[in-house]
Amino acid sequence: EGALVYPRLLESRGLNGERILKINDDITLNLERTSVFPDKLLIRTHEEGSLVNNYVNGSDHNEHLYHDTEKMAAVILNDDDGVSVVCESITAAK
């Protein structure tokens, strides 16, 4: 069962780049930067029956990637405009 939420960034940045993201009254993530993508990331798709390989800069994705070890969650936070924060995805184990 899903729910619509409006996550809020409670602290912009800690000394080590930590962030606190409140998802709802029951879920708050204590986020640390993480890096899982290689510098050169292969994106493989099928187009009109043909295999297409595209390489992208993985470090661009690592720049916005955070995780909460305790809650086993990963989040992509994007605040490029310096005013708003966009939480693009959340993954977590139950």
PDB file of N, CA and C in Angstrom:
ATOM      1  N   GLU A   1       0.845  -1.176   0.000  1.00  0.00           N
ATOM      2  CA  GLU A   1       0.000   0.000   0.000  1.00  0.00           C
ATOM      3  C   GLU A   1       0.891   1.240   0.000  1.00  0.00           C
ATOM      4  N   GLY A   2       0.667   2.147  -0.923  1.00  0.00           N
ATOM      5  CA  GLY A   2       1.464   3.363  -1.032  1.00  0.00           C
ATOM      6  C   GLY A   2       0.796   4.542  -0.364  1.00  0.00           C
ATOM      7  N   ALA A   3       1.562   5.607  -0.222  1.00  0.00           N
ATOM      8  CA  ALA A   3       1.046   6.839   0.375  1.00  0.00           C
ATOM      9  C   ALA A   3       1.756   8.021  -0.254  1.00  0.00           C
ATOM     10  N   LEU A   4       1.054   9.111  -0.390  1.00  0.00           N
ATOM     11  CA  LEU A   4       1.638  10.343  -0.888  1.00  0.00           C
ATOM     12  C   LEU A   4       2.259  11.092   0.282  1.00  0.00           C
ATOM     13  N   VAL A   5       3.546  11.441   0.160  1.00  0.00           N
ATOM     14  CA  VAL A   5       4.241  12.161   1.228  1.00  0.00           C
ATOM     15  C   VAL A   5       4.955  13.372   0.647  1.00  0.00           C
ATOM     16  N   TYR A   6       5.263  14.309   1.515  1.00  0.00           N
ATOM     17  CA  TYR A   6       6.014  15.505   1.143  1.00  0.00           C
ATOM     18  C   TYR A   6       7.244  15.575   2.036  1.00  0.00           C
ATOM     19  N   PRO A   7       8.340  14.925   1.623  1.00  0.00           N
ATOM     20  CA  PRO A   7       9.552  14.900   2.458  1.00  0.00           C
ATOM     21  C   PRO A   7      10.086  16.306   2.711  1.00  0.00           C
ATOM     22  N   ARG A   8      10.661  16.497   3.922  1.00  0.00           N
ATOM     23  CA  ARG A   8      11.251  17.788   4.288  1.00  0.00           C
ATOM     24  C   ARG A   8      12.685  17.571   4.736  1.00  0.00           C
ATOM     25  N   LEU A   9      13.571  18.411   4.260  1.00  0.00           N
ATOM     26  CA  LEU A   9      14.960  18.381   4.689  1.00  0.00           C
ATOM     27  C   LEU A   9      15.055  19.201   5.966  1.00  0.00           C
ATOM     28  N   LEU A  10      15.357  18.532   7.101  1.00  0.00           N
ATOM     29  CA  LEU A  10      15.380  19.217   8.392  1.00  0.00           C
ATOM     30  C   LEU A  10      16.699  19.931   8.634  1.00  0.00           C
ATOM     31  N   GLU A  11      17.787  19.345   8.164  1.00  0.00           N
ATOM     32  CA  GLU A  11      19.087  19.997   8.267  1.00  0.00           C
ATOM     33  C   GLU A  11      19.714  19.955   6.901  1.00  0.00           C
ATOM     34  N   SER A  12      20.157  21.101   6.457  1.00  0.00           N
ATOM     35  CA  SER A  12      20.715  21.174   5.126  1.00  0.00           C
ATOM     36  C   SER A  12      21.985  20.348   4.999  1.00  0.00           C
ATOM     37  N   ARG A  13      22.949  20.573   5.895  1.00  0.00           N
ATOM     38  CA  ARG A  13      24.205  19.832   5.821  1.00  0.00           C
ATOM     39  C   ARG A  13      24.847  19.754   7.189  1.00  0.00           C
ATOM     40  N   GLY A  14      25.381  18.589   7.521  1.00  0.00           N
ATOM     41  CA  GLY A  14      26.184  18.413   8.722  1.00  0.00           C
ATOM     42  C   GLY A  14      27.649  18.635   8.393  1.00  0.00           C
ATOM     43  N   LEU A  15      28.513  18.466   9.378  1.00  0.00           N
ATOM     44  CA  LEU A  15      29.944  18.664   9.172  1.00  0.00           C
ATOM     45  C   LEU A  15      30.519  17.713   8.137  1.00  0.00           C
ATOM     46  N   ASN A  16      29.997  16.502   8.074  1.00  0.00           N
ATOM     47  CA  ASN A  16      30.510  15.507   7.136  1.00  0.00           C
ATOM     48  C   ASN A  16      29.572  15.281   5.956  1.00  0.00           C
ATOM     49  N   GLY A  17      28.726  16.242   5.659  1.00  0.00           N
ATOM     50  CA  GLY A  17      27.805  16.120   4.540  1.00  0.00           C
ATOM     51  C   GLY A  17      26.535  15.362   4.862  1.00  0.00           C
ATOM     52  N   GLU A  18      26.275  15.088   6.160  1.00  0.00           N
ATOM     53  CA  GLU A  18      25.059  14.374   6.528  1.00  0.00           C
ATOM     54  C   GLU A  18      23.837  15.262   6.303  1.00  0.00           C
ATOM     55  N   ARG A  19      22.724  14.600   6.047  1.00  0.00           N
ATOM     56  CA  ARG A  19      21.453  15.298   5.892  1.00  0.00           C
ATOM     57  C   ARG A  19      20.380  14.523   6.637  1.00  0.00           C
ATOM     58  N   ILE A  20      19.383  15.235   7.138  1.00  0.00           N
ATOM     59  CA  ILE A  20      18.258  14.597   7.817  1.00  0.00           C
ATOM     60  C   ILE A  20      17.012  14.888   6.992  1.00  0.00           C
ATOM     61  N   LEU A  21      16.353  13.823   6.559  1.00  0.00           N
ATOM     62  CA  LEU A  21      15.179  13.947   5.711  1.00  0.00           C
ATOM     63  C   LEU A  21      13.985  13.322   6.418  1.00  0.00           C
ATOM     64  N   LYS A  22      12.972  14.145   6.703  1.00  0.00           N
ATOM     65  CA  LYS A  22      11.748  13.643   7.348  1.00  0.00           C
ATOM     66  C   LYS A  22      10.755  13.289   6.250  1.00  0.00           C
ATOM     67  N   ILE A  23      10.432  12.003   6.170  1.00  0.00           N
ATOM     68  CA  ILE A  23       9.499  11.521   5.155  1.00  0.00           C
ATOM     69  C   ILE A  23       8.061  11.738   5.615  1.00  0.00           C
ATOM     70  N   ASN A  24       7.767  11.325   6.842  1.00  0.00           N
ATOM     71  CA  ASN A  24       6.462  11.542   7.474  1.00  0.00           C
ATOM     72  C   ASN A  24       6.676  11.484   8.986  1.00  0.00           C
ATOM     73  N   ASP A  25       5.606  11.457   9.772  1.00  0.00           N
ATOM     74  CA  ASP A  25       5.743  11.454  11.234  1.00  0.00           C
ATOM     75  C   ASP A  25       6.441  10.205  11.760  1.00  0.00           C
ATOM     76  N   ASP A  26       6.408   9.119  10.996  1.00  0.00           N
ATOM     77  CA  ASP A  26       6.994   7.856  11.446  1.00  0.00           C
ATOM     78  C   ASP A  26       8.385   7.572  10.881  1.00  0.00           C
ATOM     79  N   ILE A  27       8.746   8.225   9.785  1.00  0.00           N
ATOM     80  CA  ILE A  27      10.009   7.903   9.110  1.00  0.00           C
ATOM     81  C   ILE A  27      10.877   9.145   8.954  1.00  0.00           C
ATOM     82  N   THR A  28      12.059   9.099   9.564  1.00  0.00           N
ATOM     83  CA  THR A  28      13.077  10.132   9.396  1.00  0.00           C
ATOM     84  C   THR A  28      14.371   9.432   9.015  1.00  0.00           C
ATOM     85  N   LEU A  29      15.008   9.899   7.952  1.00  0.00           N
ATOM     86  CA  LEU A  29      16.248   9.292   7.483  1.00  0.00           C
ATOM     87  C   LEU A  29      17.438  10.152   7.875  1.00  0.00           C
ATOM     88  N   ASN A  30      18.451   9.520   8.450  1.00  0.00           N
ATOM     89  CA  ASN A  30      19.731  10.164   8.744  1.00  0.00           C
ATOM     90  C   ASN A  30      20.677   9.767   7.621  1.00  0.00           C
ATOM     91  N   LEU A  31      20.861  10.669   6.694  1.00  0.00           N
ATOM     92  CA  LEU A  31      21.524  10.336   5.438  1.00  0.00           C
ATOM     93  C   LEU A  31      23.006  10.678   5.435  1.00  0.00           C
ATOM     94  N   GLU A  32      23.777   9.796   4.819  1.00  0.00           N
ATOM     95  CA  GLU A  32      25.199  10.013   4.576  1.00  0.00           C
ATOM     96  C   GLU A  32      25.427   9.869   3.081  1.00  0.00           C
ATOM     97  N   ARG A  33      26.408  10.595   2.577  1.00  0.00           N
ATOM     98  CA  ARG A  33      26.760  10.436   1.165  1.00  0.00           C
ATOM     99  C   ARG A  33      27.213   9.006   0.921  1.00  0.00           C
ATOM    100  N   THR A  34      26.914   8.516  -0.265  1.00  0.00           N
ATOM    101  CA  THR A  34      27.361   7.185  -0.648  1.00  0.00           C
ATOM    102  C   THR A  34      27.802   7.211  -2.098  1.00  0.00           C
ATOM    103  N   SER A  35      28.557   6.221  -2.485  1.00  0.00           N
ATOM    104  CA  SER A  35      29.073   6.150  -3.845  1.00  0.00           C
ATOM    105  C   SER A  35      29.011   4.698  -4.302  1.00  0.00           C
ATOM    106  N   VAL A  36      28.156   4.405  -5.258  1.00  0.00           N
ATOM    107  CA  VAL A  36      28.025   3.034  -5.742  1.00  0.00           C
ATOM    108  C   VAL A  36      28.253   2.910  -7.247  1.00  0.00           C
ATOM    109  N   PHE A  37      28.193   4.025  -7.959  1.00  0.00           N
ATOM    110  CA  PHE A  37      28.328   3.977  -9.409  1.00  0.00           C
ATOM    111  C   PHE A  37      29.782   4.172  -9.826  1.00  0.00           C
ATOM    112  N   PRO A  38      30.244   3.420 -10.837  1.00  0.00           N
ATOM    113  CA  PRO A  38      31.603   3.632 -11.351  1.00  0.00           C
ATOM    114  C   PRO A  38      31.665   4.943 -12.130  1.00  0.00           C
ATOM    115  N   ASP A  39      32.881   5.410 -12.412  1.00  0.00           N
ATOM    116  CA  ASP A  39      33.038   6.655 -13.174  1.00  0.00           C
ATOM    117  C   ASP A  39      32.360   6.563 -14.540  1.00  0.00           C
ATOM    118  N   LYS A  40      32.459   5.405 -15.164  1.00  0.00           N
ATOM    119  CA  LYS A  40      31.841   5.190 -16.473  1.00  0.00           C
ATOM    120  C   LYS A  40      30.756   4.133 -16.298  1.00  0.00           C
ATOM    121  N   LEU A  41      29.495   4.528 -16.434  1.00  0.00           N
ATOM    122  CA  LEU A  41      28.350   3.658 -16.174  1.00  0.00           C
ATOM    123  C   LEU A  41      27.680   3.270 -17.489  1.00  0.00           C
ATOM    124  N   LEU A  42      27.495   1.969 -17.701  1.00  0.00           N
ATOM    125  CA  LEU A  42      26.856   1.466 -18.914  1.00  0.00           C
ATOM    126  C   LEU A  42      25.348   1.367 -18.710  1.00  0.00           C
ATOM    127  N   ILE A  43      24.595   2.018 -19.589  1.00  0.00           N
ATOM    128  CA  ILE A  43      23.140   1.895 -19.628  1.00  0.00           C
ATOM    129  C   ILE A  43      22.811   1.130 -20.905  1.00  0.00           C
ATOM    130  N   ARG A  44      22.227  -0.043 -20.754  1.00  0.00           N
ATOM    131  CA  ARG A  44      21.944  -0.907 -21.907  1.00  0.00           C
ATOM    132  C   ARG A  44      20.436  -0.974 -22.118  1.00  0.00           C
ATOM    133  N   THR A  45      20.003  -0.673 -23.344  1.00  0.00           N
ATOM    134  CA  THR A  45      18.581  -0.705 -23.684  1.00  0.00           C
ATOM    135  C   THR A  45      18.383  -1.459 -24.996  1.00  0.00           C
ATOM    136  N   HIS A  46      17.138  -1.766 -25.294  1.00  0.00           N
ATOM    137  CA  HIS A  46      16.772  -2.353 -26.582  1.00  0.00           C
ATOM    138  C   HIS A  46      15.942  -1.328 -27.339  1.00  0.00           C
ATOM    139  N   GLU A  47      16.334  -1.082 -28.580  1.00  0.00           N
ATOM    140  CA  GLU A  47      15.578  -0.162 -29.431  1.00  0.00           C
ATOM    141  C   GLU A  47      15.344  -0.835 -30.773  1.00  0.00           C
ATOM    142  N   GLU A  48      14.086  -1.015 -31.111  1.00  0.00           N
ATOM    143  CA  GLU A  48      13.691  -1.644 -32.375  1.00  0.00           C
ATOM    144  C   GLU A  48      14.408  -2.973 -32.586  1.00  0.00           C
ATOM    145  N   GLY A  49      14.478  -3.777 -31.523  1.00  0.00           N
ATOM    146  CA  GLY A  49      15.075  -5.098 -31.615  1.00  0.00           C
ATOM    147  C   GLY A  49      16.588  -5.134 -31.543  1.00  0.00           C
ATOM    148  N   SER A  50      17.231  -3.992 -31.417  1.00  0.00           N
ATOM    149  CA  SER A  50      18.694  -3.939 -31.347  1.00  0.00           C
ATOM    150  C   SER A  50      19.146  -3.516 -29.958  1.00  0.00           C
ATOM    151  N   LEU A  51      20.254  -4.090 -29.529  1.00  0.00           N
ATOM    152  CA  LEU A  51      20.849  -3.733 -28.247  1.00  0.00           C
ATOM    153  C   LEU A  51      21.645  -2.439 -28.405  1.00  0.00           C
ATOM    154  N   VAL A  52      21.368  -1.463 -27.537  1.00  0.00           N
ATOM    155  CA  VAL A  52      22.047  -0.167 -27.608  1.00  0.00           C
ATOM    156  C   VAL A  52      22.777   0.075 -26.293  1.00  0.00           C
ATOM    157  N   ASN A  53      24.066   0.368 -26.381  1.00  0.00           N
ATOM    158  CA  ASN A  53      24.886   0.679 -25.209  1.00  0.00           C
ATOM    159  C   ASN A  53      25.140   2.174 -25.140  1.00  0.00           C
ATOM    160  N   ASN A  54      24.837   2.772 -24.002  1.00  0.00           N
ATOM    161  CA  ASN A  54      25.135   4.186 -23.766  1.00  0.00           C
ATOM    162  C   ASN A  54      25.942   4.290 -22.485  1.00  0.00           C
ATOM    163  N   TYR A  55      27.010   5.050 -22.536  1.00  0.00           N
ATOM    164  CA  TYR A  55      27.830   5.261 -21.354  1.00  0.00           C
ATOM    165  C   TYR A  55      27.565   6.657 -20.807  1.00  0.00           C
ATOM    166  N   VAL A  56      27.359   6.726 -19.499  1.00  0.00           N
ATOM    167  CA  VAL A  56      27.133   8.008 -18.835  1.00  0.00           C
ATOM    168  C   VAL A  56      28.152   8.157 -17.715  1.00  0.00           C
ATOM    169  N   ASN A  57      28.307   9.371 -17.243  1.00  0.00           N
ATOM    170  CA  ASN A  57      29.237   9.665 -16.159  1.00  0.00           C
ATOM    171  C   ASN A  57      28.598   9.259 -14.831  1.00  0.00           C
ATOM    172  N   GLY A  58      29.064   8.170 -14.240  1.00  0.00           N
ATOM    173  CA  GLY A  58      28.515   7.668 -12.984  1.00  0.00           C
ATOM    174  C   GLY A  58      28.738   8.600 -11.816  1.00  0.00           C
ATOM    175  N   SER A  59      29.827   9.363 -11.841  1.00  0.00           N
ATOM    176  CA  SER A  59      30.104  10.272 -10.722  1.00  0.00           C
ATOM    177  C   SER A  59      29.056  11.376 -10.628  1.00  0.00           C
ATOM    178  N   ASP A  60      28.395  11.710 -11.736  1.00  0.00           N
ATOM    179  CA  ASP A  60      27.297  12.688 -11.688  1.00  0.00           C
ATOM    180  C   ASP A  60      26.152  12.164 -10.827  1.00  0.00           C
ATOM    181  N   HIS A  61      25.887  10.868 -10.885  1.00  0.00           N
ATOM    182  CA  HIS A  61      24.814  10.262 -10.089  1.00  0.00           C
ATOM    183  C   HIS A  61      25.238  10.114  -8.629  1.00  0.00           C
ATOM    184  N   ASN A  62      26.510   9.789  -8.391  1.00  0.00           N
ATOM    185  CA  ASN A  62      27.013   9.663  -7.020  1.00  0.00           C
ATOM    186  C   ASN A  62      26.926  10.979  -6.258  1.00  0.00           C
ATOM    187  N   GLU A  63      27.008  12.083  -6.969  1.00  0.00           N
ATOM    188  CA  GLU A  63      27.003  13.411  -6.346  1.00  0.00           C
ATOM    189  C   GLU A  63      25.736  13.671  -5.538  1.00  0.00           C
ATOM    190  N   HIS A  64      24.633  13.064  -5.921  1.00  0.00           N
ATOM    191  CA  HIS A  64      23.334  13.312  -5.281  1.00  0.00           C
ATOM    192  C   HIS A  64      22.818  12.111  -4.487  1.00  0.00           C
ATOM    193  N   LEU A  65      23.642  11.081  -4.335  1.00  0.00           N
ATOM    194  CA  LEU A  65      23.203   9.829  -3.729  1.00  0.00           C
ATOM    195  C   LEU A  65      23.550   9.773  -2.245  1.00  0.00           C
ATOM    196  N   TYR A  66      22.558   9.438  -1.418  1.00  0.00           N
ATOM    197  CA  TYR A  66      22.718   9.332   0.035  1.00  0.00           C
ATOM    198  C   TYR A  66      22.105   8.020   0.505  1.00  0.00           C
ATOM    199  N   HIS A  67      22.519   7.555   1.690  1.00  0.00           N
ATOM    200  CA  HIS A  67      21.921   6.346   2.256  1.00  0.00           C
ATOM    201  C   HIS A  67      21.788   6.471   3.766  1.00  0.00           C
ATOM    202  N   ASP A  68      20.833   5.714   4.301  1.00  0.00           N
ATOM    203  CA  ASP A  68      20.640   5.557   5.741  1.00  0.00           C
ATOM    204  C   ASP A  68      20.882   4.084   6.033  1.00  0.00           C
ATOM    205  N   THR A  69      22.009   3.779   6.681  1.00  0.00           N
ATOM    206  CA  THR A  69      22.398   2.393   6.930  1.00  0.00           C
ATOM    207  C   THR A  69      21.403   1.681   7.831  1.00  0.00           C
ATOM    208  N   GLU A  70      20.959   2.346   8.885  1.00  0.00           N
ATOM    209  CA  GLU A  70      20.046   1.725   9.853  1.00  0.00           C
ATOM    210  C   GLU A  70      18.712   1.340   9.217  1.00  0.00           C
ATOM    211  N   LYS A  71      18.170   2.224   8.388  1.00  0.00           N
ATOM    212  CA  LYS A  71      16.859   1.970   7.778  1.00  0.00           C
ATOM    213  C   LYS A  71      16.975   1.312   6.407  1.00  0.00           C
ATOM    214  N   MET A  72      18.205   1.041   5.989  1.00  0.00           N
ATOM    215  CA  MET A  72      18.469   0.399   4.699  1.00  0.00           C
ATOM    216  C   MET A  72      17.747   1.127   3.561  1.00  0.00           C
ATOM    217  N   ALA A  73      17.949   2.442   3.481  1.00  0.00           N
ATOM    218  CA  ALA A  73      17.295   3.264   2.469  1.00  0.00           C
ATOM    219  C   ALA A  73      18.339   4.026   1.667  1.00  0.00           C
ATOM    220  N   ALA A  74      18.043   4.224   0.397  1.00  0.00           N
ATOM    221  CA  ALA A  74      18.885   5.041  -0.471  1.00  0.00           C
ATOM    222  C   ALA A  74      18.009   6.114  -1.110  1.00  0.00           C
ATOM    223  N   VAL A  75      18.554   7.325  -1.222  1.00  0.00           N
ATOM    224  CA  VAL A  75      17.787   8.470  -1.701  1.00  0.00           C
ATOM    225  C   VAL A  75      18.648   9.291  -2.650  1.00  0.00           C
ATOM    226  N   ILE A  76      18.035   9.788  -3.714  1.00  0.00           N
ATOM    227  CA  ILE A  76      18.693  10.750  -4.590  1.00  0.00           C
ATOM    228  C   ILE A  76      18.097  12.112  -4.265  1.00  0.00           C
ATOM    229  N   LEU A  77      18.928  13.012  -3.733  1.00  0.00           N
ATOM    230  CA  LEU A  77      18.485  14.368  -3.394  1.00  0.00           C
ATOM    231  C   LEU A  77      19.092  15.340  -4.387  1.00  0.00           C
ATOM    232  N   ASN A  78      18.264  16.183  -4.934  1.00  0.00           N
ATOM    233  CA  ASN A  78      18.725  17.157  -5.906  1.00  0.00           C
ATOM    234  C   ASN A  78      18.325  18.547  -5.438  1.00  0.00           C
ATOM    235  N   ASP A  79      19.302  19.389  -5.158  1.00  0.00           N
ATOM    236  CA  ASP A  79      19.018  20.762  -4.718  1.00  0.00           C
ATOM    237  C   ASP A  79      19.860  21.752  -5.513  1.00  0.00           C
ATOM    238  N   ASP A  80      19.885  21.551  -6.820  1.00  0.00           N
ATOM    239  CA  ASP A  80      20.735  22.356  -7.691  1.00  0.00           C
ATOM    240  C   ASP A  80      20.397  23.840  -7.690  1.00  0.00           C
ATOM    241  N   ASP A  81      19.133  24.190  -7.429  1.00  0.00           N
ATOM    242  CA  ASP A  81      18.775  25.610  -7.465  1.00  0.00           C
ATOM    243  C   ASP A  81      19.088  26.326  -6.154  1.00  0.00           C
ATOM    244  N   GLY A  82      19.528  25.581  -5.127  1.00  0.00           N
ATOM    245  CA  GLY A  82      19.900  26.185  -3.854  1.00  0.00           C
ATOM    246  C   GLY A  82      18.728  26.564  -2.968  1.00  0.00           C
ATOM    247  N   VAL A  83      17.500  26.377  -3.439  1.00  0.00           N
ATOM    248  CA  VAL A  83      16.321  26.762  -2.674  1.00  0.00           C
ATOM    249  C   VAL A  83      15.482  25.546  -2.305  1.00  0.00           C
ATOM    250  N   SER A  84      15.128  24.742  -3.290  1.00  0.00           N
ATOM    251  CA  SER A  84      14.268  23.587  -3.045  1.00  0.00           C
ATOM    252  C   SER A  84      15.068  22.293  -3.149  1.00  0.00           C
ATOM    253  N   VAL A  85      14.545  21.250  -2.525  1.00  0.00           N
ATOM    254  CA  VAL A  85      15.170  19.930  -2.567  1.00  0.00           C
ATOM    255  C   VAL A  85      14.174  18.960  -3.182  1.00  0.00           C
ATOM    256  N   VAL A  86      14.605  18.235  -4.186  1.00  0.00           N
ATOM    257  CA  VAL A  86      13.764  17.237  -4.828  1.00  0.00           C
ATOM    258  C   VAL A  86      14.275  15.862  -4.436  1.00  0.00           C
ATOM    259  N   CYS A  87      13.404  15.069  -3.836  1.00  0.00           N
ATOM    260  CA  CYS A  87      13.721  13.686  -3.474  1.00  0.00           C
ATOM    261  C   CYS A  87      13.210  12.825  -4.620  1.00  0.00           C
ATOM    262  N   GLU A  88      14.130  12.351  -5.471  1.00  0.00           N
ATOM    263  CA  GLU A  88      13.723  11.676  -6.693  1.00  0.00           C
ATOM    264  C   GLU A  88      13.354  10.218  -6.499  1.00  0.00           C
ATOM    265  N   SER A  89      13.929   9.565  -5.501  1.00  0.00           N
ATOM    266  CA  SER A  89      13.586   8.160  -5.295  1.00  0.00           C
ATOM    267  C   SER A  89      13.961   7.724  -3.894  1.00  0.00           C
ATOM    268  N   ILE A  90      13.238   6.756  -3.411  1.00  0.00           N
ATOM    269  CA  ILE A  90      13.547   6.165  -2.111  1.00  0.00           C
ATOM    270  C   ILE A  90      13.426   4.657  -2.272  1.00  0.00           C
ATOM    271  N   THR A  91      14.432   3.942  -1.816  1.00  0.00           N
ATOM    272  CA  THR A  91      14.346   2.490  -1.798  1.00  0.00           C
ATOM    273  C   THR A  91      14.681   2.018  -0.400  1.00  0.00           C
ATOM    274  N   ALA A  92      13.986   1.012   0.061  1.00  0.00           N
ATOM    275  CA  ALA A  92      14.252   0.487   1.400  1.00  0.00           C
ATOM    276  C   ALA A  92      13.730  -0.931   1.505  1.00  0.00           C
ATOM    277  N   ALA A  93      14.387  -1.709   2.337  1.00  0.00           N
ATOM    278  CA  ALA A  93      13.924  -3.065   2.624  1.00  0.00           C
ATOM    279  C   ALA A  93      12.930  -3.004   3.768  1.00  0.00           C
ATOM    280  N   LYS A  94      11.980  -3.914   3.802  1.00  0.00           N
ATOM    281  CA  LYS A  94      11.003  -3.952   4.900  1.00  0.00           C
ATOM    282  C   LYS A  94      11.528  -4.774   6.026  1.00  0.00           C
TER     283      LYS A  94
END
